[in-house]
Amino acid sequence: MGRMDGRVALVTGGASGLGAADARVLTREGAAVVITDVQDDLGSKVASSIGEKCVYLHQDVRDEDRWTAVVNETIDRFGRLDTLVNNAGLVRFGTIEELGYEDFRLQTEVMLNGAFLGCKAAIPHMSRDGSGSIVNMASVAAMKGISVIPAYSAAKAGIVAMTRSIAVHCREQGYRIRCNAIVPGAIATPMTQQAVSELPADSAGLEQSTDHGMGEPEDVANMVLYLASDEGRHITGTTITIDNGETMA
């Protein structure tokens, strides 16, 4: 307990799934946490269930002006910003021949563009005392070919590459802000439940859950905590995979 005492975190996509688990684990360890989402009812309920150290704000991560406002409100409320978790995401299924361009754009704008805008907005205001940590949520889809999610895969692969670039930039500027990516496999979240309900049972996109088993959101949240805390102080520019061996072959 207390690994995040005195620190402030901002978690996008915090109304459910991985984001909600991140918020719970970070506040349990002492952080004040701002969660954002477009699902206002769910987000407010999550924040209320966590307690007074968690605040919900509405945010479409594609909106650059809203990013500025959310970062400023976080600092106004809590006095600082130590951790940014770019977690917001969604998936639309369809092969390269089936997926519409609007669905491609939606996924890349929310996940890749959203992470870019988040880092751009947060870095100038993040703590420079060694506690600054950015965690970008990627996916095993960035590491392997899955035919039914080309846009999702492209966005997550872009996040992995962008993470390294941001880590190098922060090091070059002497910011003492670390930037890492997490690559989850199948985790028991609403997004995974959507995949199970929409895809054929023999779909290659579901092999993680059938062959390797699903993880729990806390499995990822515990890594977010590690990277955000002093325990991860010597880790930057790294991609950490949590997939129960799916990408070993």
Protein backbone atom coordinates (compact mmCIF):
# COMPACT_ATOMS: atom_id res chain seq x y z
CA MET A 1 0.00 0.00 0.00
CA GLY A 2 1.05 3.59 -0.57
CA ARG A 3 3.15 3.10 -3.71
CA MET A 4 1.40 6.09 -5.34
CA ASP A 5 1.01 8.34 -2.30
CA GLY A 6 0.93 12.01 -3.26
CA ARG A 7 0.69 11.33 -6.98
CA VAL A 8 -1.99 12.17 -9.52
CA ALA A 9 -3.01 10.03 -12.50
CA LEU A 10 -5.18 10.65 -15.54
CA VAL A 11 -6.73 7.54 -17.13
CA THR A 12 -8.70 7.67 -20.40
CA GLY A 13 -11.38 5.11 -21.16
CA GLY A 14 -11.95 4.78 -17.43
CA ALA A 15 -15.66 3.95 -17.48
CA SER A 16 -15.11 0.21 -17.79
CA GLY A 17 -12.65 -2.58 -18.46
CA LEU A 18 -8.95 -1.89 -18.20
CA GLY A 19 -9.35 1.82 -17.46
CA ALA A 20 -11.66 1.24 -14.51
CA ALA A 21 -9.30 -1.41 -13.13
CA ASP A 22 -6.34 0.96 -13.53
CA ALA A 23 -8.18 3.64 -11.58
CA ARG A 24 -9.05 1.25 -8.75
CA VAL A 25 -5.51 -0.07 -8.39
CA LEU A 26 -3.89 3.37 -8.55
CA THR A 27 -6.24 4.88 -5.96
CA ARG A 28 -5.81 1.81 -3.73
CA GLU A 29 -2.11 2.63 -3.71
CA GLY A 30 -2.69 6.27 -2.76
CA ALA A 31 -3.04 8.20 -6.02
CA ALA A 32 -5.70 10.74 -6.85
CA VAL A 33 -7.14 9.71 -10.20
CA VAL A 34 -9.09 11.49 -12.92
CA ILE A 35 -10.90 9.09 -15.25
CA THR A 36 -12.33 10.23 -18.57
CA ASP A 37 -14.67 8.67 -21.09
CA VAL A 38 -17.67 9.40 -23.29
CA GLN A 39 -19.84 6.99 -21.29
CA ASP A 40 -20.91 9.49 -18.66
CA ASP A 41 -23.25 7.33 -16.60
CA LEU A 42 -20.76 4.47 -16.36
CA GLY A 43 -17.85 6.79 -15.71
CA SER A 44 -19.64 8.61 -12.92
CA LYS A 45 -20.60 5.31 -11.30
CA VAL A 46 -17.02 4.04 -11.42
CA ALA A 47 -15.69 7.24 -9.87
CA SER A 48 -18.34 7.16 -7.14
CA SER A 49 -17.61 3.52 -6.35
CA ILE A 50 -13.90 4.27 -5.95
CA GLY A 51 -14.37 7.23 -3.64
CA GLU A 52 -13.43 10.86 -3.18
CA LYS A 53 -9.93 10.43 -4.62
CA CYS A 54 -11.41 9.60 -8.04
CA VAL A 55 -13.07 12.15 -10.32
CA TYR A 56 -14.85 11.57 -13.62
CA LEU A 57 -14.68 14.01 -16.56
CA HIS A 58 -16.32 13.72 -19.96
CA GLN A 59 -13.76 13.53 -22.77
CA ASP A 60 -13.64 12.61 -26.42
CA VAL A 61 -9.92 11.89 -26.83
CA ARG A 62 -10.05 12.98 -30.48
CA ASP A 63 -10.66 16.59 -29.40
CA GLU A 64 -7.41 18.50 -28.89
CA ASP A 65 -9.06 21.41 -27.09
CA ARG A 66 -10.74 19.02 -24.67
CA TRP A 67 -7.36 17.47 -23.90
CA THR A 68 -6.07 20.89 -22.87
CA ALA A 69 -9.10 21.45 -20.67
CA VAL A 70 -8.89 18.01 -19.00
CA VAL A 71 -5.18 18.38 -18.19
CA ASN A 72 -5.76 21.88 -16.80
CA GLU A 73 -8.71 20.73 -14.68
CA THR A 74 -6.68 17.81 -13.33
CA ILE A 75 -3.93 20.17 -12.20
CA ASP A 76 -6.43 22.71 -10.85
CA ARG A 77 -8.07 20.02 -8.71
CA PHE A 78 -5.02 18.12 -7.51
CA GLY A 79 -2.04 20.40 -8.05
CA ARG A 80 0.05 18.17 -10.31
CA LEU A 81 0.04 15.38 -12.90
CA ASP A 82 2.36 12.39 -12.54
CA THR A 83 0.84 9.58 -14.59
CA LEU A 84 -1.01 9.49 -17.91
CA VAL A 85 -2.62 6.23 -19.02
CA ASN A 86 -3.76 6.39 -22.66
CA ASN A 87 -6.27 3.56 -22.50
CA ALA A 88 -9.35 4.71 -24.46
CA GLY A 89 -10.21 2.37 -27.30
CA LEU A 90 -12.83 0.56 -29.34
CA VAL A 91 -12.98 -2.11 -32.02
CA ARG A 92 -14.93 -2.51 -35.24
CA PHE A 93 -14.61 -5.87 -36.95
CA GLY A 94 -14.10 -6.49 -40.66
CA THR A 95 -11.33 -7.66 -42.96
CA ILE A 96 -9.53 -5.24 -45.28
CA GLU A 97 -12.19 -6.00 -47.91
CA GLU A 98 -15.11 -5.56 -45.54
CA LEU A 99 -14.21 -2.72 -43.19
CA GLY A 100 -15.53 0.70 -44.14
CA TYR A 101 -13.20 3.69 -44.23
CA GLU A 102 -15.21 5.51 -41.58
CA ASP A 103 -14.74 2.60 -39.17
CA PHE A 104 -11.02 2.57 -39.99
CA ARG A 105 -10.74 6.28 -39.26
CA LEU A 106 -12.76 6.04 -36.06
CA GLN A 107 -10.47 3.41 -34.57
CA THR A 108 -7.21 5.06 -35.55
CA GLU A 109 -8.44 8.49 -34.44
CA VAL A 110 -9.56 7.30 -31.01
CA MET A 111 -6.57 5.10 -30.19
CA LEU A 112 -3.54 6.40 -32.11
CA ASN A 113 -4.51 10.05 -32.50
CA GLY A 114 -5.96 10.09 -29.00
CA ALA A 115 -2.70 8.83 -27.49
CA PHE A 116 -0.73 11.37 -29.52
CA LEU A 117 -2.93 14.24 -28.34
CA GLY A 118 -2.78 13.00 -24.75
CA CYS A 119 1.00 12.89 -24.68
CA LYS A 120 1.26 16.25 -26.41
CA ALA A 121 -1.11 17.88 -23.92
CA ALA A 122 0.26 16.24 -20.78
CA ILE A 123 4.04 16.28 -21.17
CA PRO A 124 4.49 20.05 -20.71
CA HIS A 125 2.60 19.82 -17.40
CA MET A 126 3.83 16.51 -16.01
CA SER A 127 5.97 16.29 -12.91
CA ARG A 128 9.71 16.46 -13.59
CA ASP A 129 10.77 15.10 -10.20
CA GLY A 130 11.17 11.57 -11.53
CA SER A 131 7.56 10.54 -10.97
CA GLY A 132 6.40 11.31 -14.51
CA SER A 133 5.14 8.19 -16.29
CA ILE A 134 3.13 7.69 -19.47
CA VAL A 135 1.58 4.28 -20.12
CA ASN A 136 0.14 3.70 -23.59
CA MET A 137 -2.19 0.74 -24.03
CA ALA A 138 -1.37 -1.33 -27.11
CA SER A 139 -2.40 -4.92 -27.94
CA VAL A 140 -1.13 -8.26 -29.22
CA ALA A 141 -2.81 -7.12 -32.44
CA ALA A 142 0.26 -4.91 -32.90
CA MET A 143 2.51 -7.97 -32.83
CA LYS A 144 0.63 -10.55 -34.93
CA GLY A 145 -1.71 -10.66 -37.88
CA ILE A 146 -5.44 -10.89 -37.10
CA SER A 147 -7.48 -10.58 -40.28
CA VAL A 148 -10.68 -9.13 -38.82
CA ILE A 149 -9.16 -6.08 -37.09
CA PRO A 150 -6.86 -4.27 -39.56
CA ALA A 151 -7.63 -0.79 -38.23
CA TYR A 152 -7.33 -1.80 -34.58
CA SER A 153 -4.03 -3.52 -35.38
CA ALA A 154 -2.71 -0.47 -37.22
CA ALA A 155 -3.60 1.86 -34.36
CA LYS A 156 -2.01 -0.37 -31.72
CA ALA A 157 1.16 -0.90 -33.78
CA GLY A 158 1.42 2.86 -34.20
CA ILE A 159 1.13 3.28 -30.43
CA VAL A 160 4.07 0.91 -29.88
CA ALA A 161 6.30 2.83 -32.28
CA MET A 162 5.17 6.24 -31.03
CA THR A 163 5.90 5.19 -27.44
CA ARG A 164 9.57 4.67 -28.26
CA SER A 165 9.77 8.04 -30.01
CA ILE A 166 8.21 9.82 -27.03
CA ALA A 167 10.51 8.05 -24.58
CA VAL A 168 13.57 9.18 -26.56
CA HIS A 169 12.26 12.74 -26.76
CA CYS A 170 11.71 12.96 -23.01
CA ARG A 171 15.19 11.56 -22.37
CA GLU A 172 16.77 14.03 -24.81
CA GLN A 173 14.98 16.95 -23.15
CA GLY A 174 15.93 15.84 -19.66
CA TYR A 175 12.27 15.71 -18.61
CA ARG A 176 12.52 12.65 -16.34
CA ILE A 177 9.24 11.43 -17.82
CA ARG A 178 9.14 7.74 -18.75
CA CYS A 179 6.97 6.40 -21.56
CA ASN A 180 6.12 2.72 -21.98
CA ALA A 181 3.54 0.57 -23.76
CA ILE A 182 1.63 -2.43 -22.48
CA VAL A 183 0.55 -5.17 -24.90
CA PRO A 184 -2.35 -7.16 -23.41
CA GLY A 185 -3.67 -10.35 -24.90
CA ALA A 186 -7.28 -11.38 -24.29
CA ILE A 187 -8.51 -9.77 -21.07
CA ALA A 188 -12.03 -10.24 -19.70
CA THR A 189 -13.45 -6.80 -20.56
CA PRO A 190 -16.58 -5.53 -22.34
CA MET A 191 -14.52 -5.20 -25.54
CA THR A 192 -13.53 -8.86 -25.38
CA GLN A 193 -17.13 -9.84 -24.69
CA GLN A 194 -18.10 -7.88 -27.80
CA ALA A 195 -15.59 -9.88 -29.85
CA VAL A 196 -16.88 -13.17 -28.51
CA SER A 197 -20.45 -12.21 -29.38
CA GLU A 198 -19.72 -10.83 -32.87
CA LEU A 199 -17.07 -13.19 -34.28
CA PRO A 200 -17.42 -16.82 -35.37
CA ALA A 201 -16.28 -19.28 -32.72
CA ASP A 202 -13.34 -20.42 -34.90
CA SER A 203 -12.13 -16.89 -35.68
CA ALA A 204 -8.38 -16.38 -35.44
CA GLY A 205 -9.11 -13.28 -33.40
CA LEU A 206 -10.43 -15.44 -30.57
CA GLU A 207 -7.57 -17.95 -30.33
CA GLN A 208 -6.06 -16.19 -27.32
CA SER A 209 -9.17 -16.73 -25.22
CA THR A 210 -9.64 -20.33 -26.37
CA ASP A 211 -6.01 -21.51 -26.45
CA HIS A 212 -4.34 -19.43 -23.76
CA GLY A 213 -7.15 -18.32 -21.47
CA MET A 214 -8.32 -14.82 -20.63
CA GLY A 215 -6.62 -12.61 -18.11
CA GLU A 216 -8.35 -10.27 -15.71
CA PRO A 217 -8.22 -6.44 -15.92
CA GLU A 218 -6.19 -6.40 -12.69
CA ASP A 219 -3.42 -8.34 -14.45
CA VAL A 220 -2.86 -5.29 -16.64
CA ALA A 221 -3.63 -2.73 -13.93
CA ASN A 222 -0.89 -4.15 -11.73
CA MET A 223 1.61 -3.51 -14.53
CA VAL A 224 0.29 0.03 -14.93
CA LEU A 225 0.93 0.49 -11.22
CA TYR A 226 4.45 -0.88 -11.51
CA LEU A 227 5.31 1.44 -14.39
CA ALA A 228 3.74 4.44 -12.66
CA SER A 229 5.44 3.86 -9.31
CA ASP A 230 9.07 4.21 -8.28
CA GLU A 231 9.50 0.49 -8.91
CA GLY A 232 9.46 1.22 -12.64
CA ARG A 233 11.82 4.18 -12.45
CA HIS A 234 14.47 2.53 -14.66
CA ILE A 235 12.05 1.46 -17.43
CA THR A 236 11.30 3.64 -20.45
CA GLY A 237 10.75 3.09 -24.16
CA THR A 238 9.73 -0.50 -23.46
CA THR A 239 6.82 -2.64 -24.65
CA ILE A 240 5.65 -5.13 -22.02
CA THR A 241 3.51 -8.05 -23.15
CA ILE A 242 0.84 -9.60 -20.91
CA ASP A 243 -0.63 -12.40 -23.01
CA ASN A 244 0.00 -15.72 -21.26
CA GLY A 245 2.37 -16.76 -24.04
CA GLU A 246 0.23 -16.06 -27.10
CA THR A 247 3.02 -14.24 -28.97
CA MET A 248 5.82 -16.66 -28.01
CA ALA A 249 5.56 -18.67 -31.23
